[in-house]
Amino acid sequence: MHSPHKNILTCTVAVVTSDGRMIVGTLKGFDQTINLILDESHERVFSSTQGVEQVVLGLYIVRGDNVAVIGEIDEETDSALDLGSIRAEPLNSVVH
């Protein structure tokens, strides 16, 4: 649950895009159309045959019309994950 005293613009978030990508980063800004600015971001690329690949993106902008889901990440839980052992099918694109 989001603490009311915590600034949302310092939260680590996961964004699932409508084209099936998962981008994790620190939320630095957003506007009324949900355009997002993420800092220190990386894309998590899932594979059914190997662990999760993390592709460094750095400062990254996600257009609001490409955001399917956004959620806050619990950094303690996330850092405990062994991404190298996770196998998952890549996400499909969202069909409108």
PDB file of N, CA and C in Angstrom:
ATOM      1  N   MET A   1       0.843  -1.179   0.000  1.00  0.00           N
ATOM      2  CA  MET A   1       0.000   0.000   0.000  1.00  0.00           C
ATOM      3  C   MET A   1       0.885   1.238   0.000  1.00  0.00           C
ATOM      4  N   HIS A   2       0.505   2.209  -0.765  1.00  0.00           N
ATOM      5  CA  HIS A   2       1.291   3.422  -0.890  1.00  0.00           C
ATOM      6  C   HIS A   2       1.147   4.261   0.370  1.00  0.00           C
ATOM      7  N   SER A   3       2.273   4.583   1.020  1.00  0.00           N
ATOM      8  CA  SER A   3       2.250   5.408   2.217  1.00  0.00           C
ATOM      9  C   SER A   3       1.866   6.840   1.837  1.00  0.00           C
ATOM     10  N   PRO A   4       0.933   7.453   2.591  1.00  0.00           N
ATOM     11  CA  PRO A   4       0.516   8.818   2.246  1.00  0.00           C
ATOM     12  C   PRO A   4       1.632   9.844   2.442  1.00  0.00           C
ATOM     13  N   HIS A   5       2.676   9.489   3.199  1.00  0.00           N
ATOM     14  CA  HIS A   5       3.761  10.423   3.467  1.00  0.00           C
ATOM     15  C   HIS A   5       4.915  10.259   2.493  1.00  0.00           C
ATOM     16  N   LYS A   6       4.849   9.287   1.623  1.00  0.00           N
ATOM     17  CA  LYS A   6       5.936   9.013   0.693  1.00  0.00           C
ATOM     18  C   LYS A   6       5.656   9.736  -0.627  1.00  0.00           C
ATOM     19  N   ASN A   7       6.664  10.382  -1.169  1.00  0.00           N
ATOM     20  CA  ASN A   7       6.498  11.093  -2.429  1.00  0.00           C
ATOM     21  C   ASN A   7       6.426  10.080  -3.574  1.00  0.00           C
ATOM     22  N   ILE A   8       5.346  10.098  -4.324  1.00  0.00           N
ATOM     23  CA  ILE A   8       5.170   9.139  -5.430  1.00  0.00           C
ATOM     24  C   ILE A   8       6.272   9.289  -6.474  1.00  0.00           C
ATOM     25  N   LEU A   9       6.892  10.458  -6.560  1.00  0.00           N
ATOM     26  CA  LEU A   9       7.917  10.672  -7.567  1.00  0.00           C
ATOM     27  C   LEU A   9       9.295  10.145  -7.143  1.00  0.00           C
ATOM     28  N   THR A  10       9.336   9.349  -6.103  1.00  0.00           N
ATOM     29  CA  THR A  10      10.580   8.667  -5.745  1.00  0.00           C
ATOM     30  C   THR A  10      10.367   7.162  -5.726  1.00  0.00           C
ATOM     31  N   CYS A  11       9.181   6.720  -6.116  1.00  0.00           N
ATOM     32  CA  CYS A  11       8.830   5.300  -6.072  1.00  0.00           C
ATOM     33  C   CYS A  11       9.467   4.540  -7.227  1.00  0.00           C
ATOM     34  N   THR A  12       9.817   3.298  -6.952  1.00  0.00           N
ATOM     35  CA  THR A  12      10.218   2.393  -8.026  1.00  0.00           C
ATOM     36  C   THR A  12       8.944   1.760  -8.566  1.00  0.00           C
ATOM     37  N   VAL A  13       8.764   1.838  -9.873  1.00  0.00           N
ATOM     38  CA  VAL A  13       7.544   1.316 -10.486  1.00  0.00           C
ATOM     39  C   VAL A  13       7.879   0.332 -11.596  1.00  0.00           C
ATOM     40  N   ALA A  14       6.930  -0.542 -11.870  1.00  0.00           N
ATOM     41  CA  ALA A  14       7.004  -1.433 -13.026  1.00  0.00           C
ATOM     42  C   ALA A  14       5.912  -0.995 -13.983  1.00  0.00           C
ATOM     43  N   VAL A  15       6.277  -0.831 -15.238  1.00  0.00           N
ATOM     44  CA  VAL A  15       5.319  -0.441 -16.268  1.00  0.00           C
ATOM     45  C   VAL A  15       5.255  -1.574 -17.288  1.00  0.00           C
ATOM     46  N   VAL A  16       4.057  -2.072 -17.522  1.00  0.00           N
ATOM     47  CA  VAL A  16       3.856  -3.023 -18.610  1.00  0.00           C
ATOM     48  C   VAL A  16       3.251  -2.220 -19.752  1.00  0.00           C
ATOM     49  N   THR A  17       3.923  -2.262 -20.906  1.00  0.00           N
ATOM     50  CA  THR A  17       3.466  -1.480 -22.049  1.00  0.00           C
ATOM     51  C   THR A  17       2.497  -2.306 -22.896  1.00  0.00           C
ATOM     52  N   SER A  18       1.735  -1.611 -23.704  1.00  0.00           N
ATOM     53  CA  SER A  18       0.747  -2.307 -24.527  1.00  0.00           C
ATOM     54  C   SER A  18       1.399  -3.175 -25.594  1.00  0.00           C
ATOM     55  N   ASP A  19       2.703  -2.959 -25.872  1.00  0.00           N
ATOM     56  CA  ASP A  19       3.391  -3.837 -26.820  1.00  0.00           C
ATOM     57  C   ASP A  19       4.143  -4.968 -26.106  1.00  0.00           C
ATOM     58  N   GLY A  20       3.841  -5.183 -24.805  1.00  0.00           N
ATOM     59  CA  GLY A  20       4.330  -6.361 -24.107  1.00  0.00           C
ATOM     60  C   GLY A  20       5.697  -6.245 -23.459  1.00  0.00           C
ATOM     61  N   ARG A  21       6.168  -5.031 -23.227  1.00  0.00           N
ATOM     62  CA  ARG A  21       7.457  -4.848 -22.550  1.00  0.00           C
ATOM     63  C   ARG A  21       7.232  -4.559 -21.073  1.00  0.00           C
ATOM     64  N   MET A  22       8.217  -4.907 -20.229  1.00  0.00           N
ATOM     65  CA  MET A  22       8.158  -4.559 -18.810  1.00  0.00           C
ATOM     66  C   MET A  22       9.363  -3.695 -18.489  1.00  0.00           C
ATOM     67  N   ILE A  23       9.077  -2.467 -18.057  1.00  0.00           N
ATOM     68  CA  ILE A  23      10.126  -1.502 -17.766  1.00  0.00           C
ATOM     69  C   ILE A  23      10.039  -1.129 -16.291  1.00  0.00           C
ATOM     70  N   VAL A  24      11.161  -1.210 -15.599  1.00  0.00           N
ATOM     71  CA  VAL A  24      11.228  -0.895 -14.174  1.00  0.00           C
ATOM     72  C   VAL A  24      12.139   0.305 -13.994  1.00  0.00           C
ATOM     73  N   GLY A  25      11.702   1.281 -13.190  1.00  0.00           N
ATOM     74  CA  GLY A  25      12.535   2.454 -12.942  1.00  0.00           C
ATOM     75  C   GLY A  25      11.945   3.324 -11.854  1.00  0.00           C
ATOM     76  N   THR A  26      12.639   4.413 -11.568  1.00  0.00           N
ATOM     77  CA  THR A  26      12.175   5.370 -10.568  1.00  0.00           C
ATOM     78  C   THR A  26      11.296   6.399 -11.257  1.00  0.00           C
ATOM     79  N   LEU A  27      10.059   6.548 -10.784  1.00  0.00           N
ATOM     80  CA  LEU A  27       9.127   7.501 -11.381  1.00  0.00           C
ATOM     81  C   LEU A  27       9.595   8.912 -11.067  1.00  0.00           C
ATOM     82  N   LYS A  28       9.878   9.681 -12.115  1.00  0.00           N
ATOM     83  CA  LYS A  28      10.360  11.053 -11.936  1.00  0.00           C
ATOM     84  C   LYS A  28       9.334  12.094 -12.357  1.00  0.00           C
ATOM     85  N   GLY A  29       8.350  11.683 -13.147  1.00  0.00           N
ATOM     86  CA  GLY A  29       7.346  12.643 -13.565  1.00  0.00           C
ATOM     87  C   GLY A  29       6.275  11.987 -14.417  1.00  0.00           C
ATOM     88  N   PHE A  30       5.107  12.648 -14.471  1.00  0.00           N
ATOM     89  CA  PHE A  30       4.009  12.182 -15.312  1.00  0.00           C
ATOM     90  C   PHE A  30       3.071  13.354 -15.559  1.00  0.00           C
ATOM     91  N   ASP A  31       2.224  13.206 -16.560  1.00  0.00           N
ATOM     92  CA  ASP A  31       1.248  14.261 -16.835  1.00  0.00           C
ATOM     93  C   ASP A  31      -0.155  13.671 -16.913  1.00  0.00           C
ATOM     94  N   GLN A  32      -1.116  14.488 -17.315  1.00  0.00           N
ATOM     95  CA  GLN A  32      -2.514  14.062 -17.297  1.00  0.00           C
ATOM     96  C   GLN A  32      -2.823  12.963 -18.315  1.00  0.00           C
ATOM     97  N   THR A  33      -1.943  12.768 -19.287  1.00  0.00           N
ATOM     98  CA  THR A  33      -2.167  11.692 -20.266  1.00  0.00           C
ATOM     99  C   THR A  33      -1.297  10.470 -19.968  1.00  0.00           C
ATOM    100  N   ILE A  34      -0.767  10.440 -18.742  1.00  0.00           N
ATOM    101  CA  ILE A  34       0.035   9.314 -18.232  1.00  0.00           C
ATOM    102  C   ILE A  34       1.328   9.105 -19.025  1.00  0.00           C
ATOM    103  N   ASN A  35       1.843  10.161 -19.671  1.00  0.00           N
ATOM    104  CA  ASN A  35       3.214  10.080 -20.161  1.00  0.00           C
ATOM    105  C   ASN A  35       4.088   9.979 -18.921  1.00  0.00           C
ATOM    106  N   LEU A  36       5.034   9.037 -18.906  1.00  0.00           N
ATOM    107  CA  LEU A  36       5.840   8.784 -17.720  1.00  0.00           C
ATOM    108  C   LEU A  36       7.311   9.086 -17.984  1.00  0.00           C
ATOM    109  N   ILE A  37       7.976   9.639 -17.001  1.00  0.00           N
ATOM    110  CA  ILE A  37       9.429   9.796 -17.052  1.00  0.00           C
ATOM    111  C   ILE A  37       9.998   8.872 -15.981  1.00  0.00           C
ATOM    112  N   LEU A  38      10.831   7.926 -16.420  1.00  0.00           N
ATOM    113  CA  LEU A  38      11.460   6.977 -15.505  1.00  0.00           C
ATOM    114  C   LEU A  38      12.961   7.207 -15.521  1.00  0.00           C
ATOM    115  N   ASP A  39      13.573   7.185 -14.344  1.00  0.00           N
ATOM    116  CA  ASP A  39      15.024   7.321 -14.251  1.00  0.00           C
ATOM    117  C   ASP A  39      15.613   6.000 -13.771  1.00  0.00           C
ATOM    118  N   GLU A  40      16.878   5.787 -14.069  1.00  0.00           N
ATOM    119  CA  GLU A  40      17.579   4.561 -13.665  1.00  0.00           C
ATOM    120  C   GLU A  40      16.760   3.329 -14.073  1.00  0.00           C
ATOM    121  N   SER A  41      16.237   3.354 -15.290  1.00  0.00           N
ATOM    122  CA  SER A  41      15.300   2.305 -15.704  1.00  0.00           C
ATOM    123  C   SER A  41      15.993   1.182 -16.464  1.00  0.00           C
ATOM    124  N   HIS A  42      15.312   0.057 -16.483  1.00  0.00           N
ATOM    125  CA  HIS A  42      15.765  -1.092 -17.270  1.00  0.00           C
ATOM    126  C   HIS A  42      14.541  -1.873 -17.729  1.00  0.00           C
ATOM    127  N   GLU A  43      14.712  -2.552 -18.849  1.00  0.00           N
ATOM    128  CA  GLU A  43      13.659  -3.433 -19.352  1.00  0.00           C
ATOM    129  C   GLU A  43      13.982  -4.841 -18.905  1.00  0.00           C
ATOM    130  N   ARG A  44      12.973  -5.557 -18.427  1.00  0.00           N
ATOM    131  CA  ARG A  44      13.131  -6.958 -18.076  1.00  0.00           C
ATOM    132  C   ARG A  44      12.579  -7.783 -19.233  1.00  0.00           C
ATOM    133  N   VAL A  45      13.471  -8.543 -19.862  1.00  0.00           N
ATOM    134  CA  VAL A  45      13.095  -9.339 -21.021  1.00  0.00           C
ATOM    135  C   VAL A  45      12.952 -10.787 -20.568  1.00  0.00           C
ATOM    136  N   PHE A  46      11.741 -11.328 -20.700  1.00  0.00           N
ATOM    137  CA  PHE A  46      11.438 -12.685 -20.235  1.00  0.00           C
ATOM    138  C   PHE A  46      11.656 -13.706 -21.340  1.00  0.00           C
ATOM    139  N   SER A  47      12.043 -14.907 -20.951  1.00  0.00           N
ATOM    140  CA  SER A  47      12.301 -15.988 -21.892  1.00  0.00           C
ATOM    141  C   SER A  47      11.918 -17.301 -21.235  1.00  0.00           C
ATOM    142  N   SER A  48      11.382 -18.236 -22.032  1.00  0.00           N
ATOM    143  CA  SER A  48      11.017 -19.546 -21.500  1.00  0.00           C
ATOM    144  C   SER A  48      12.235 -20.458 -21.401  1.00  0.00           C
ATOM    145  N   THR A  49      13.374 -20.052 -21.976  1.00  0.00           N
ATOM    146  CA  THR A  49      14.552 -20.923 -21.992  1.00  0.00           C
ATOM    147  C   THR A  49      15.712 -20.403 -21.157  1.00  0.00           C
ATOM    148  N   GLN A  50      15.702 -19.129 -20.787  1.00  0.00           N
ATOM    149  CA  GLN A  50      16.800 -18.588 -19.973  1.00  0.00           C
ATOM    150  C   GLN A  50      16.246 -17.574 -18.989  1.00  0.00           C
ATOM    151  N   GLY A  51      17.104 -17.146 -18.070  1.00  0.00           N
ATOM    152  CA  GLY A  51      16.669 -16.197 -17.048  1.00  0.00           C
ATOM    153  C   GLY A  51      16.264 -14.853 -17.625  1.00  0.00           C
ATOM    154  N   VAL A  52      15.771 -13.994 -16.747  1.00  0.00           N
ATOM    155  CA  VAL A  52      15.323 -12.664 -17.152  1.00  0.00           C
ATOM    156  C   VAL A  52      16.536 -11.805 -17.486  1.00  0.00           C
ATOM    157  N   GLU A  53      16.545 -11.254 -18.694  1.00  0.00           N
ATOM    158  CA  GLU A  53      17.616 -10.345 -19.110  1.00  0.00           C
ATOM    159  C   GLU A  53      17.209  -8.930 -18.727  1.00  0.00           C
ATOM    160  N   GLN A  54      18.146  -8.168 -18.163  1.00  0.00           N
ATOM    161  CA  GLN A  54      17.852  -6.785 -17.810  1.00  0.00           C
ATOM    162  C   GLN A  54      18.654  -5.863 -18.742  1.00  0.00           C
ATOM    163  N   VAL A  55      17.924  -5.107 -19.554  1.00  0.00           N
ATOM    164  CA  VAL A  55      18.540  -4.198 -20.517  1.00  0.00           C
ATOM    165  C   VAL A  55      18.467  -2.782 -19.943  1.00  0.00           C
ATOM    166  N   VAL A  56      19.625  -2.180 -19.696  1.00  0.00           N
ATOM    167  CA  VAL A  56      19.671  -0.848 -19.097  1.00  0.00           C
ATOM    168  C   VAL A  56      19.171   0.198 -20.100  1.00  0.00           C
ATOM    169  N   LEU A  57      18.228   1.032 -19.650  1.00  0.00           N
ATOM    170  CA  LEU A  57      17.669   2.092 -20.495  1.00  0.00           C
ATOM    171  C   LEU A  57      18.042   3.480 -19.983  1.00  0.00           C
ATOM    172  N   GLY A  58      18.305   3.619 -18.681  1.00  0.00           N
ATOM    173  CA  GLY A  58      18.631   4.925 -18.100  1.00  0.00           C
ATOM    174  C   GLY A  58      17.388   5.795 -17.973  1.00  0.00           C
ATOM    175  N   LEU A  59      17.526   7.080 -18.321  1.00  0.00           N
ATOM    176  CA  LEU A  59      16.381   7.994 -18.302  1.00  0.00           C
ATOM    177  C   LEU A  59      15.494   7.652 -19.494  1.00  0.00           C
ATOM    178  N   TYR A  60      14.209   7.389 -19.238  1.00  0.00           N
ATOM    179  CA  TYR A  60      13.359   6.832 -20.291  1.00  0.00           C
ATOM    180  C   TYR A  60      11.960   7.431 -20.203  1.00  0.00           C
ATOM    181  N   ILE A  61      11.375   7.707 -21.338  1.00  0.00           N
ATOM    182  CA  ILE A  61      10.010   8.233 -21.395  1.00  0.00           C
ATOM    183  C   ILE A  61       9.102   7.176 -22.011  1.00  0.00           C
ATOM    184  N   VAL A  62       7.975   6.927 -21.340  1.00  0.00           N
ATOM    185  CA  VAL A  62       6.962   6.009 -21.869  1.00  0.00           C
ATOM    186  C   VAL A  62       5.731   6.841 -22.195  1.00  0.00           C
ATOM    187  N   ARG A  63       5.306   6.791 -23.450  1.00  0.00           N
ATOM    188  CA  ARG A  63       4.092   7.537 -23.846  1.00  0.00           C
ATOM    189  C   ARG A  63       2.871   6.963 -23.139  1.00  0.00           C
ATOM    190  N   GLY A  64       1.987   7.833 -22.706  1.00  0.00           N
ATOM    191  CA  GLY A  64       0.795   7.415 -21.966  1.00  0.00           C
ATOM    192  C   GLY A  64      -0.074   6.430 -22.721  1.00  0.00           C
ATOM    193  N   ASP A  65      -0.178   6.576 -24.050  1.00  0.00           N
ATOM    194  CA  ASP A  65      -1.029   5.657 -24.816  1.00  0.00           C
ATOM    195  C   ASP A  65      -0.390   4.279 -24.971  1.00  0.00           C
ATOM    196  N   ASN A  66       0.841   4.109 -24.479  1.00  0.00           N
ATOM    197  CA  ASN A  66       1.502   2.810 -24.539  1.00  0.00           C
ATOM    198  C   ASN A  66       1.571   2.139 -23.163  1.00  0.00           C
ATOM    199  N   VAL A  67       0.988   2.767 -22.134  1.00  0.00           N
ATOM    200  CA  VAL A  67       0.985   2.196 -20.782  1.00  0.00           C
ATOM    201  C   VAL A  67      -0.246   1.296 -20.628  1.00  0.00           C
ATOM    202  N   ALA A  68       0.002   0.007 -20.356  1.00  0.00           N
ATOM    203  CA  ALA A  68      -1.109  -0.909 -20.080  1.00  0.00           C
ATOM    204  C   ALA A  68      -1.343  -1.009 -18.580  1.00  0.00           C
ATOM    205  N   VAL A  69      -0.259  -1.167 -17.798  1.00  0.00           N
ATOM    206  CA  VAL A  69      -0.343  -1.307 -16.342  1.00  0.00           C
ATOM    207  C   VAL A  69       0.862  -0.608 -15.724  1.00  0.00           C
ATOM    208  N   ILE A  70       0.644   0.057 -14.593  1.00  0.00           N
ATOM    209  CA  ILE A  70       1.760   0.603 -13.821  1.00  0.00           C
ATOM    210  C   ILE A  70       1.507   0.275 -12.361  1.00  0.00           C
ATOM    211  N   GLY A  71       2.564  -0.133 -11.664  1.00  0.00           N
ATOM    212  CA  GLY A  71       2.412  -0.460 -10.252  1.00  0.00           C
ATOM    213  C   GLY A  71       3.696  -0.190  -9.500  1.00  0.00           C
ATOM    214  N   GLU A  72       3.543   0.114  -8.211  1.00  0.00           N
ATOM    215  CA  GLU A  72       4.706   0.350  -7.360  1.00  0.00           C
ATOM    216  C   GLU A  72       5.377  -0.974  -7.022  1.00  0.00           C
ATOM    217  N   ILE A  73       6.699  -0.974  -7.006  1.00  0.00           N
ATOM    218  CA  ILE A  73       7.463  -2.175  -6.681  1.00  0.00           C
ATOM    219  C   ILE A  73       7.981  -2.053  -5.258  1.00  0.00           C
ATOM    220  N   ASP A  74       7.823  -3.128  -4.487  1.00  0.00           N
ATOM    221  CA  ASP A  74       8.428  -3.211  -3.163  1.00  0.00           C
ATOM    222  C   ASP A  74       9.897  -3.568  -3.385  1.00  0.00           C
ATOM    223  N   GLU A  75      10.787  -2.621  -3.146  1.00  0.00           N
ATOM    224  CA  GLU A  75      12.194  -2.811  -3.489  1.00  0.00           C
ATOM    225  C   GLU A  75      12.837  -3.960  -2.718  1.00  0.00           C
ATOM    226  N   GLU A  76      12.419  -4.157  -1.477  1.00  0.00           N
ATOM    227  CA  GLU A  76      12.990  -5.240  -0.671  1.00  0.00           C
ATOM    228  C   GLU A  76      12.620  -6.599  -1.257  1.00  0.00           C
ATOM    229  N   THR A  77      11.357  -6.780  -1.604  1.00  0.00           N
ATOM    230  CA  THR A  77      10.905  -8.036  -2.219  1.00  0.00           C
ATOM    231  C   THR A  77      11.559  -8.226  -3.580  1.00  0.00           C
ATOM    232  N   ASP A  78      11.607  -7.143  -4.376  1.00  0.00           N
ATOM    233  CA  ASP A  78      12.164  -7.228  -5.720  1.00  0.00           C
ATOM    234  C   ASP A  78      13.643  -7.589  -5.697  1.00  0.00           C
ATOM    235  N   SER A  79      14.404  -7.019  -4.770  1.00  0.00           N
ATOM    236  CA  SER A  79      15.842  -7.302  -4.720  1.00  0.00           C
ATOM    237  C   SER A  79      16.124  -8.729  -4.272  1.00  0.00           C
ATOM    238  N   ALA A  80      15.145  -9.375  -3.618  1.00  0.00           N
ATOM    239  CA  ALA A  80      15.321 -10.755  -3.173  1.00  0.00           C
ATOM    240  C   ALA A  80      15.046 -11.768  -4.290  1.00  0.00           C
ATOM    241  N   LEU A  81      14.479 -11.310  -5.410  1.00  0.00           N
ATOM    242  CA  LEU A  81      14.176 -12.218  -6.518  1.00  0.00           C
ATOM    243  C   LEU A  81      15.457 -12.655  -7.216  1.00  0.00           C
ATOM    244  N   ASP A  82      15.512 -13.924  -7.586  1.00  0.00           N
ATOM    245  CA  ASP A  82      16.630 -14.424  -8.386  1.00  0.00           C
ATOM    246  C   ASP A  82      16.179 -14.406  -9.846  1.00  0.00           C
ATOM    247  N   LEU A  83      16.376 -13.260 -10.508  1.00  0.00           N
ATOM    248  CA  LEU A  83      15.878 -13.101 -11.874  1.00  0.00           C
ATOM    249  C   LEU A  83      16.521 -14.095 -12.836  1.00  0.00           C
ATOM    250  N   GLY A  84      17.733 -14.546 -12.524  1.00  0.00           N
ATOM    251  CA  GLY A  84      18.417 -15.496 -13.387  1.00  0.00           C
ATOM    252  C   GLY A  84      17.758 -16.866 -13.428  1.00  0.00           C
ATOM    253  N   SER A  85      16.946 -17.166 -12.413  1.00  0.00           N
ATOM    254  CA  SER A  85      16.301 -18.484 -12.379  1.00  0.00           C
ATOM    255  C   SER A  85      14.847 -18.441 -12.838  1.00  0.00           C
ATOM    256  N   ILE A  86      14.339 -17.258 -13.152  1.00  0.00           N
ATOM    257  CA  ILE A  86      12.937 -17.126 -13.559  1.00  0.00           C
ATOM    258  C   ILE A  86      12.789 -17.422 -15.047  1.00  0.00           C
ATOM    259  N   ARG A  87      11.867 -18.304 -15.370  1.00  0.00           N
ATOM    260  CA  ARG A  87      11.538 -18.614 -16.764  1.00  0.00           C
ATOM    261  C   ARG A  87      10.080 -18.210 -16.994  1.00  0.00           C
ATOM    262  N   ALA A  88       9.822 -17.475 -18.039  1.00  0.00           N
ATOM    263  CA  ALA A  88       8.462 -17.043 -18.336  1.00  0.00           C
ATOM    264  C   ALA A  88       8.346 -16.738 -19.817  1.00  0.00           C
ATOM    265  N   GLU A  89       7.185 -17.016 -20.359  1.00  0.00           N
ATOM    266  CA  GLU A  89       6.931 -16.645 -21.748  1.00  0.00           C
ATOM    267  C   GLU A  89       6.918 -15.123 -21.848  1.00  0.00           C
ATOM    268  N   PRO A  90       7.467 -14.565 -22.924  1.00  0.00           N
ATOM    269  CA  PRO A  90       7.369 -13.116 -23.133  1.00  0.00           C
ATOM    270  C   PRO A  90       5.903 -12.687 -23.163  1.00  0.00           C
ATOM    271  N   LEU A  91       5.649 -11.451 -22.730  1.00  0.00           N
ATOM    272  CA  LEU A  91       4.279 -10.935 -22.702  1.00  0.00           C
ATOM    273  C   LEU A  91       3.799 -10.686 -24.126  1.00  0.00           C
ATOM    274  N   ASN A  92       2.518 -10.888 -24.336  1.00  0.00           N
ATOM    275  CA  ASN A  92       1.908 -10.591 -25.630  1.00  0.00           C
ATOM    276  C   ASN A  92       1.517  -9.116 -25.683  1.00  0.00           C
ATOM    277  N   SER A  93       1.346  -8.606 -26.869  1.00  0.00           N
ATOM    278  CA  SER A  93       0.835  -7.254 -27.029  1.00  0.00           C
ATOM    279  C   SER A  93      -0.622  -7.209 -26.604  1.00  0.00           C
ATOM    280  N   VAL A  94      -1.052  -6.021 -26.153  1.00  0.00           N
ATOM    281  CA  VAL A  94      -2.451  -5.815 -25.798  1.00  0.00           C
ATOM    282  C   VAL A  94      -3.219  -5.538 -27.083  1.00  0.00           C
ATOM    283  N   VAL A  95      -4.294  -6.263 -27.301  1.00  0.00           N
ATOM    284  CA  VAL A  95      -5.110  -6.060 -28.507  1.00  0.00           C
ATOM    285  C   VAL A  95      -6.306  -5.201 -28.120  1.00  0.00           C
ATOM    286  N   HIS A  96      -6.486  -4.073 -28.830  1.00  0.00           N
ATOM    287  CA  HIS A  96      -7.605  -3.176 -28.533  1.00  0.00           C
ATOM    288  C   HIS A  96      -8.796  -3.518 -29.401  1.00  0.00           C
TER     289      HIS A  96
END
